[in-house]
């Protein structure tokens, strides 16, 4: 039996009608105003971005042509859609993730962070 004012039932679960909890705190007026302000800010940002994208397009393409890897990746991700990332771990015992050891014959590791000039 839940007494008036108790947050939890006898089994430890939150009582019916109690809005709070670690995963769902009670939303006060300040939180509501903050969420509303963030939503409006994101809307304005998207509108502003849509207006300047035509000006950014040729700059991004020029950077990519010069070998800027960030620009190349950005164009590729936008054109080809970002690749899907695996977010779950295998559950089958035969599908265990194994570490891979990579050794380079000459002992030198490649430096893939250089941009070609």
N, C-alpha and C. Protein backbone atom coordinates (compact mmCIF):
# COMPACT_ATOMS: atom_id res chain seq x y z
N UNK A 1 0.85 -1.18 0.00
CA UNK A 1 0.00 0.00 0.00
C UNK A 1 0.89 1.25 0.00
N UNK A 2 0.60 2.20 -0.87
CA UNK A 2 1.39 3.43 -0.97
C UNK A 2 0.75 4.49 -0.09
N UNK A 3 1.55 5.06 0.79
CA UNK A 3 1.06 6.14 1.64
C UNK A 3 1.07 7.44 0.85
N UNK A 4 0.22 8.35 1.23
CA UNK A 4 0.16 9.65 0.56
C UNK A 4 1.52 10.34 0.68
N UNK A 5 2.05 10.78 -0.44
CA UNK A 5 3.34 11.46 -0.45
C UNK A 5 4.51 10.53 -0.75
N UNK A 6 4.29 9.21 -0.71
CA UNK A 6 5.38 8.28 -1.04
C UNK A 6 5.63 8.30 -2.54
N UNK A 7 6.92 8.27 -2.90
CA UNK A 7 7.29 8.28 -4.30
C UNK A 7 7.32 6.88 -4.89
N UNK A 8 7.52 5.88 -4.03
CA UNK A 8 7.71 4.52 -4.53
C UNK A 8 6.70 3.55 -3.94
N UNK A 9 6.44 2.51 -4.70
CA UNK A 9 5.61 1.41 -4.23
C UNK A 9 6.45 0.52 -3.32
N UNK A 10 5.82 -0.47 -2.71
CA UNK A 10 6.52 -1.39 -1.82
C UNK A 10 7.62 -2.16 -2.55
N UNK A 11 7.43 -2.40 -3.86
CA UNK A 11 8.44 -3.15 -4.63
C UNK A 11 9.56 -2.25 -5.17
N UNK A 12 9.53 -0.96 -4.85
CA UNK A 12 10.60 -0.06 -5.27
C UNK A 12 10.30 0.72 -6.54
N UNK A 13 9.26 0.35 -7.28
CA UNK A 13 8.91 1.07 -8.50
C UNK A 13 8.22 2.38 -8.13
N UNK A 14 8.24 3.34 -9.05
CA UNK A 14 7.61 4.62 -8.77
C UNK A 14 6.09 4.47 -8.74
N UNK A 15 5.48 5.17 -7.82
CA UNK A 15 4.04 5.11 -7.64
C UNK A 15 3.33 5.80 -8.80
N UNK A 16 2.12 5.36 -9.08
CA UNK A 16 1.31 5.96 -10.14
C UNK A 16 1.06 7.42 -9.79
N UNK A 17 1.24 8.29 -10.77
CA UNK A 17 1.02 9.71 -10.57
C UNK A 17 2.27 10.46 -10.17
N UNK A 18 3.34 9.74 -9.84
CA UNK A 18 4.60 10.42 -9.51
C UNK A 18 5.36 10.62 -10.80
N UNK A 19 5.62 11.87 -11.18
CA UNK A 19 6.23 12.18 -12.47
C UNK A 19 7.75 12.05 -12.47
N UNK A 20 8.36 12.16 -11.31
CA UNK A 20 9.82 12.23 -11.25
C UNK A 20 10.51 10.90 -11.41
N UNK A 21 11.75 10.89 -11.05
CA UNK A 21 12.58 9.71 -11.18
C UNK A 21 13.87 10.10 -11.85
N UNK A 22 14.89 9.27 -11.71
CA UNK A 22 16.19 9.64 -12.27
C UNK A 22 16.17 9.82 -13.79
N UNK A 23 15.36 9.07 -14.48
CA UNK A 23 15.32 9.17 -15.94
C UNK A 23 14.32 10.17 -16.44
N UNK A 24 13.47 10.67 -15.56
CA UNK A 24 12.43 11.60 -15.98
C UNK A 24 12.14 12.58 -14.84
N UNK A 25 13.01 13.56 -14.67
CA UNK A 25 12.76 14.53 -13.60
C UNK A 25 11.51 15.36 -13.87
N UNK A 26 10.95 15.88 -12.81
CA UNK A 26 9.76 16.72 -12.95
C UNK A 26 10.16 17.95 -13.76
N UNK A 27 9.34 18.27 -14.76
CA UNK A 27 9.64 19.39 -15.65
C UNK A 27 9.04 20.66 -15.07
N UNK A 28 9.92 21.56 -14.65
CA UNK A 28 9.44 22.83 -14.11
C UNK A 28 9.33 23.86 -15.23
N UNK A 29 8.88 25.06 -14.88
CA UNK A 29 8.68 26.12 -15.87
C UNK A 29 9.98 26.52 -16.55
N UNK A 30 11.08 26.55 -15.77
CA UNK A 30 12.39 26.91 -16.32
C UNK A 30 12.83 25.91 -17.40
N UNK A 31 12.62 24.62 -17.14
CA UNK A 31 12.98 23.58 -18.10
C UNK A 31 12.14 23.70 -19.37
N UNK A 32 10.86 23.97 -19.20
CA UNK A 32 9.98 24.13 -20.36
C UNK A 32 10.41 25.32 -21.22
N UNK A 33 10.75 26.44 -20.56
CA UNK A 33 11.20 27.62 -21.30
C UNK A 33 12.53 27.35 -22.01
N UNK A 34 13.42 26.63 -21.35
CA UNK A 34 14.72 26.31 -21.95
C UNK A 34 14.52 25.44 -23.19
N UNK A 35 13.68 24.41 -23.09
CA UNK A 35 13.42 23.54 -24.25
C UNK A 35 12.81 24.32 -25.40
N UNK A 36 11.89 25.22 -25.08
CA UNK A 36 11.24 26.03 -26.11
C UNK A 36 12.27 26.95 -26.79
N UNK A 37 13.17 27.54 -25.99
CA UNK A 37 14.19 28.44 -26.54
C UNK A 37 15.16 27.68 -27.43
N UNK A 38 15.56 26.48 -27.02
CA UNK A 38 16.48 25.66 -27.83
C UNK A 38 15.82 25.28 -29.15
N UNK A 39 14.56 24.89 -29.08
CA UNK A 39 13.83 24.52 -30.30
C UNK A 39 13.77 25.70 -31.27
N UNK A 40 13.51 26.89 -30.76
CA UNK A 40 13.44 28.08 -31.60
C UNK A 40 14.82 28.43 -32.18
N UNK A 41 15.86 28.28 -31.37
CA UNK A 41 17.23 28.55 -31.82
C UNK A 41 17.64 27.60 -32.95
N UNK A 42 17.31 26.32 -32.81
CA UNK A 42 17.63 25.35 -33.85
C UNK A 42 16.86 25.67 -35.14
N UNK A 43 15.61 26.07 -35.00
CA UNK A 43 14.81 26.44 -36.18
C UNK A 43 15.44 27.62 -36.91
N UNK A 44 15.84 28.64 -36.16
CA UNK A 44 16.48 29.82 -36.77
C UNK A 44 17.81 29.44 -37.43
N UNK A 45 18.57 28.59 -36.76
CA UNK A 45 19.86 28.16 -37.31
C UNK A 45 19.66 27.44 -38.65
N UNK A 46 18.69 26.55 -38.72
CA UNK A 46 18.42 25.82 -39.97
C UNK A 46 18.01 26.78 -41.08
N UNK A 47 17.20 27.77 -40.74
CA UNK A 47 16.77 28.74 -41.75
C UNK A 47 17.96 29.57 -42.25
N UNK A 48 18.83 30.01 -41.32
CA UNK A 48 20.01 30.78 -41.71
C UNK A 48 20.96 29.94 -42.55
N UNK A 49 21.14 28.70 -42.17
CA UNK A 49 22.03 27.79 -42.90
C UNK A 49 21.51 27.56 -44.32
N UNK A 50 20.22 27.40 -44.47
CA UNK A 50 19.63 27.19 -45.80
C UNK A 50 19.90 28.38 -46.72
N UNK A 51 19.98 29.57 -46.13
CA UNK A 51 20.23 30.77 -46.94
C UNK A 51 21.69 30.87 -47.40
N UNK A 52 22.64 30.40 -46.57
CA UNK A 52 24.06 30.56 -46.94
C UNK A 52 24.64 29.34 -47.64
N UNK A 53 23.93 28.22 -47.68
CA UNK A 53 24.47 27.02 -48.33
C UNK A 53 24.87 27.23 -49.78
N UNK A 54 24.09 27.97 -50.58
CA UNK A 54 24.52 28.19 -51.96
C UNK A 54 25.89 28.88 -52.06
N UNK A 55 26.22 29.73 -51.09
CA UNK A 55 27.53 30.39 -51.09
C UNK A 55 28.64 29.46 -50.62
N UNK A 56 28.30 28.52 -49.74
CA UNK A 56 29.30 27.59 -49.20
C UNK A 56 29.65 26.47 -50.17
N UNK A 57 28.74 26.11 -51.03
CA UNK A 57 28.93 24.98 -51.93
C UNK A 57 30.21 25.10 -52.78
N UNK A 58 30.43 26.20 -53.49
CA UNK A 58 31.64 26.27 -54.31
C UNK A 58 32.93 26.28 -53.47
N UNK A 59 32.88 26.84 -52.26
CA UNK A 59 34.06 26.85 -51.39
C UNK A 59 34.40 25.43 -50.96
N UNK A 60 33.39 24.67 -50.58
CA UNK A 60 33.60 23.29 -50.16
C UNK A 60 34.14 22.44 -51.31
N UNK A 61 33.61 22.63 -52.49
CA UNK A 61 34.08 21.87 -53.66
C UNK A 61 35.53 22.23 -53.98
N UNK A 62 35.88 23.50 -53.90
CA UNK A 62 37.26 23.92 -54.17
C UNK A 62 38.23 23.32 -53.15
N UNK A 63 37.84 23.31 -51.88
CA UNK A 63 38.69 22.71 -50.85
C UNK A 63 38.89 21.22 -51.11
N UNK A 64 37.82 20.54 -51.52
CA UNK A 64 37.91 19.11 -51.81
C UNK A 64 38.85 18.86 -52.99
N UNK A 65 38.77 19.70 -54.01
CA UNK A 65 39.65 19.55 -55.18
C UNK A 65 41.12 19.74 -54.80
N UNK A 66 41.38 20.54 -53.77
CA UNK A 66 42.76 20.78 -53.32
C UNK A 66 43.25 19.67 -52.38
N UNK A 67 42.38 18.72 -52.08
CA UNK A 67 42.79 17.58 -51.27
C UNK A 67 42.44 17.67 -49.80
N UNK A 68 41.61 18.62 -49.42
CA UNK A 68 41.20 18.75 -48.02
C UNK A 68 40.29 17.55 -47.68
N UNK A 69 40.82 16.65 -46.83
CA UNK A 69 40.09 15.42 -46.52
C UNK A 69 38.77 15.67 -45.81
N UNK A 70 38.71 16.68 -44.96
CA UNK A 70 37.45 16.99 -44.27
C UNK A 70 36.39 17.41 -45.28
N UNK A 71 36.79 18.20 -46.27
CA UNK A 71 35.84 18.64 -47.30
C UNK A 71 35.41 17.46 -48.17
N UNK A 72 36.37 16.61 -48.52
CA UNK A 72 36.04 15.41 -49.32
C UNK A 72 35.05 14.53 -48.56
N UNK A 73 35.32 14.30 -47.28
CA UNK A 73 34.44 13.46 -46.47
C UNK A 73 33.05 14.08 -46.36
N UNK A 74 33.00 15.39 -46.16
CA UNK A 74 31.71 16.07 -46.03
C UNK A 74 30.88 15.92 -47.30
N UNK A 75 31.50 16.14 -48.45
CA UNK A 75 30.79 15.99 -49.72
C UNK A 75 30.33 14.55 -49.91
N UNK A 76 31.24 13.62 -49.63
CA UNK A 76 30.90 12.20 -49.80
C UNK A 76 29.73 11.81 -48.90
N UNK A 77 29.78 12.23 -47.63
CA UNK A 77 28.70 11.90 -46.71
C UNK A 77 27.37 12.49 -47.16
N UNK A 78 27.40 13.68 -47.72
CA UNK A 78 26.15 14.31 -48.16
C UNK A 78 25.60 13.67 -49.44
N UNK A 79 26.49 13.29 -50.34
CA UNK A 79 26.06 12.72 -51.61
C UNK A 79 25.67 11.25 -51.45
N UNK A 80 26.53 10.49 -50.76
CA UNK A 80 26.34 9.04 -50.67
C UNK A 80 25.58 8.62 -49.40
N UNK A 81 25.27 9.53 -48.54
CA UNK A 81 24.63 9.28 -47.26
C UNK A 81 25.65 8.64 -46.32
N UNK A 82 25.65 9.07 -45.10
CA UNK A 82 26.62 8.54 -44.14
C UNK A 82 26.40 7.04 -43.98
N UNK A 83 27.50 6.32 -43.86
CA UNK A 83 27.39 4.88 -43.69
C UNK A 83 26.79 4.56 -42.33
N UNK A 84 26.04 3.49 -42.27
CA UNK A 84 25.40 3.09 -41.03
C UNK A 84 26.44 2.46 -40.11
N UNK A 85 26.38 2.80 -38.84
CA UNK A 85 27.31 2.27 -37.86
C UNK A 85 26.65 1.13 -37.11
N UNK A 86 27.40 0.06 -36.90
CA UNK A 86 26.89 -1.07 -36.14
C UNK A 86 26.81 -0.66 -34.68
N UNK A 87 25.64 -0.80 -34.09
CA UNK A 87 25.47 -0.33 -32.72
C UNK A 87 25.20 -1.46 -31.74
N UNK A 88 25.12 -2.70 -32.21
CA UNK A 88 24.86 -3.80 -31.29
C UNK A 88 26.02 -4.78 -31.31
N UNK A 89 26.24 -5.41 -30.18
CA UNK A 89 27.30 -6.40 -30.08
C UNK A 89 26.73 -7.77 -30.43
N UNK A 90 27.59 -8.67 -30.93
CA UNK A 90 27.11 -10.01 -31.26
C UNK A 90 26.62 -10.74 -30.01
N UNK A 91 25.62 -11.57 -30.18
CA UNK A 91 25.07 -12.33 -29.06
C UNK A 91 25.38 -13.81 -29.17
N UNK A 92 25.73 -14.26 -30.34
CA UNK A 92 26.03 -15.67 -30.56
C UNK A 92 27.47 -15.95 -30.12
N UNK A 93 27.71 -17.07 -29.46
CA UNK A 93 29.06 -17.42 -28.99
C UNK A 93 30.05 -17.57 -30.13
N UNK A 94 29.58 -17.91 -31.32
CA UNK A 94 30.47 -18.07 -32.47
C UNK A 94 30.84 -16.72 -33.09
N UNK A 95 30.15 -15.67 -32.68
CA UNK A 95 30.33 -14.34 -33.25
C UNK A 95 31.07 -13.40 -32.31
N UNK A 96 32.00 -13.92 -31.53
CA UNK A 96 32.71 -13.10 -30.55
C UNK A 96 33.67 -12.15 -31.27
N UNK A 97 33.72 -10.91 -30.81
CA UNK A 97 34.63 -9.94 -31.40
C UNK A 97 36.05 -10.30 -30.99
N UNK A 98 36.93 -10.42 -31.95
CA UNK A 98 38.32 -10.77 -31.69
C UNK A 98 39.22 -9.59 -32.03
N UNK A 99 40.26 -9.35 -31.22
CA UNK A 99 41.20 -8.28 -31.55
C UNK A 99 42.04 -8.66 -32.76
N UNK A 100 42.48 -7.66 -33.50
CA UNK A 100 43.32 -7.88 -34.68
C UNK A 100 44.64 -7.17 -34.45
N UNK A 101 45.75 -7.90 -34.62
CA UNK A 101 47.07 -7.31 -34.48
C UNK A 101 47.60 -7.01 -35.87
N UNK A 102 48.00 -5.76 -36.10
CA UNK A 102 48.54 -5.36 -37.40
C UNK A 102 50.02 -5.05 -37.22
N UNK A 103 50.88 -5.72 -38.00
CA UNK A 103 52.32 -5.45 -37.97
C UNK A 103 52.75 -5.01 -39.36
N UNK A 104 53.57 -3.96 -39.41
CA UNK A 104 54.08 -3.47 -40.68
C UNK A 104 55.45 -4.07 -40.91
N UNK A 105 55.71 -4.54 -42.11
CA UNK A 105 56.94 -5.25 -42.44
C UNK A 105 58.17 -4.41 -42.18
N UNK A 106 58.15 -3.15 -42.58
CA UNK A 106 59.33 -2.30 -42.42
C UNK A 106 59.38 -1.62 -41.05
N UNK A 107 58.41 -1.90 -40.20
CA UNK A 107 58.38 -1.31 -38.87
C UNK A 107 57.83 0.10 -38.83
N UNK A 108 57.58 0.71 -39.97
CA UNK A 108 57.07 2.08 -40.04
C UNK A 108 55.56 2.04 -40.20
N UNK A 109 54.87 2.83 -39.41
CA UNK A 109 53.43 2.94 -39.56
C UNK A 109 53.12 4.10 -40.50
N UNK A 110 52.15 3.93 -41.39
CA UNK A 110 51.82 5.02 -42.32
C UNK A 110 51.21 6.20 -41.58
N UNK A 111 51.45 7.39 -42.10
CA UNK A 111 50.85 8.60 -41.57
C UNK A 111 49.75 9.02 -42.53
N UNK A 112 48.50 8.67 -42.19
CA UNK A 112 47.36 8.95 -43.08
C UNK A 112 46.73 10.30 -42.82
N UNK A 113 47.34 11.11 -41.97
CA UNK A 113 46.75 12.40 -41.63
C UNK A 113 47.28 13.56 -42.46
N UNK A 114 48.17 13.28 -43.38
CA UNK A 114 48.75 14.36 -44.19
C UNK A 114 47.85 14.67 -45.36
N UNK A 115 47.65 15.96 -45.63
CA UNK A 115 46.90 16.38 -46.81
C UNK A 115 47.89 16.60 -47.95
N UNK A 116 47.61 16.07 -49.14
CA UNK A 116 48.51 16.32 -50.27
C UNK A 116 48.49 17.80 -50.66
N UNK A 117 49.64 18.29 -50.98
CA UNK A 117 49.75 19.72 -51.35
C UNK A 117 49.50 19.90 -52.82
